[in-house]
Amino acid sequence: MNECLYCKGHLEARLVSRVQAYHGRWYLIEHVPALVCSQCGETFYTPQAHDLVLSLVREAAAPVRIDPLTVLDAS
């Protein structure tokens, strides 16, 4: 896959950060391999990257750091 499904732009392999919810908790996973459109910025994950993210949160991998998170309410 080297063409964006939305705008037909070129996809580039990059390492990105991904926020993932799992069992009521939020995780920030850094350095996830992804394909990112150079034109519109849409991000696509391979099945292997998706499996990697799930294995990290399911196995409760030791965090590299814990950062506070600011929560805002738009209502």
Protein backbone atom coordinates (compact mmCIF):
# COMPACT_ATOMS: atom_id res chain seq x y z
CA MET A 1 0.00 0.00 0.00
CA ASN A 2 1.67 3.21 -1.11
CA GLU A 3 -1.32 5.40 -2.00
CA CYS A 4 -3.69 7.14 0.43
CA LEU A 5 -7.21 5.72 0.36
CA TYR A 6 -8.68 9.22 0.80
CA CYS A 7 -6.70 11.67 -1.33
CA LYS A 8 -4.45 9.32 -3.38
CA GLY A 9 -1.34 11.02 -1.96
CA HIS A 10 1.93 9.15 -1.38
CA LEU A 11 2.30 7.17 1.87
CA GLU A 12 5.57 7.40 3.78
CA ALA A 13 6.78 4.99 6.47
CA ARG A 14 7.13 6.86 9.78
CA LEU A 15 7.19 6.28 13.50
CA VAL A 16 4.21 7.96 15.16
CA SER A 17 2.59 8.29 18.58
CA ARG A 18 -0.78 6.62 19.07
CA VAL A 19 -3.33 7.04 21.85
CA GLN A 20 -5.11 3.80 22.68
CA ALA A 21 -7.98 3.10 25.08
CA TYR A 22 -8.00 -0.29 26.80
CA HIS A 23 -10.25 -1.41 29.65
CA GLY A 24 -11.12 2.14 30.68
CA ARG A 25 -7.55 3.43 30.66
CA TRP A 26 -5.74 5.53 28.08
CA TYR A 27 -2.23 4.78 26.87
CA LEU A 28 0.19 6.80 24.74
CA ILE A 29 2.36 4.50 22.67
CA GLU A 30 5.34 6.17 21.02
CA HIS A 31 7.37 5.06 18.00
CA VAL A 32 4.62 2.99 16.38
CA PRO A 33 5.37 2.15 12.74
CA ALA A 34 2.76 3.61 10.40
CA LEU A 35 2.16 4.82 6.87
CA VAL A 36 1.40 8.56 6.78
CA CYS A 37 0.05 10.41 3.76
CA SER A 38 2.41 13.20 2.71
CA GLN A 39 -0.54 15.14 1.26
CA CYS A 40 -3.41 14.95 3.80
CA GLY A 41 -1.66 13.49 6.86
CA GLU A 42 -3.97 10.49 7.26
CA THR A 43 -2.31 7.67 9.24
CA PHE A 44 -2.62 3.97 8.40
CA TYR A 45 -1.42 1.11 10.58
CA THR A 46 -0.38 -2.31 9.34
CA PRO A 47 -1.88 -5.38 11.02
CA GLN A 48 1.54 -5.96 12.62
CA ALA A 49 1.58 -2.44 14.13
CA HIS A 50 -1.96 -2.93 15.44
CA ASP A 51 -0.95 -6.26 17.03
CA LEU A 52 2.09 -4.58 18.61
CA VAL A 53 -0.08 -1.86 20.20
CA LEU A 54 -2.53 -4.44 21.55
CA SER A 55 0.23 -6.61 22.98
CA LEU A 56 1.75 -3.61 24.79
CA VAL A 57 -1.50 -2.63 26.50
CA ARG A 58 -2.70 -6.20 27.15
CA GLU A 59 0.57 -7.26 28.73
CA ALA A 60 0.81 -4.05 30.79
CA ALA A 61 4.32 -3.32 29.55
CA ALA A 62 6.42 -1.27 31.95
CA PRO A 63 5.99 2.42 31.07
CA VAL A 64 9.02 4.41 29.98
CA ARG A 65 7.52 7.37 31.87
CA ILE A 66 4.23 8.55 33.32
CA ASP A 67 3.00 12.01 32.27
CA PRO A 68 0.09 13.96 33.73
CA LEU A 69 -2.78 14.55 31.32
CA THR A 70 -4.91 17.68 31.16
CA VAL A 71 -8.59 16.86 30.66
CA LEU A 72 -10.90 19.50 29.14
CA ASP A 73 -14.69 19.52 28.83
CA ALA A 74 -16.26 21.14 25.77
CA SER A 75 -19.86 20.94 27.01
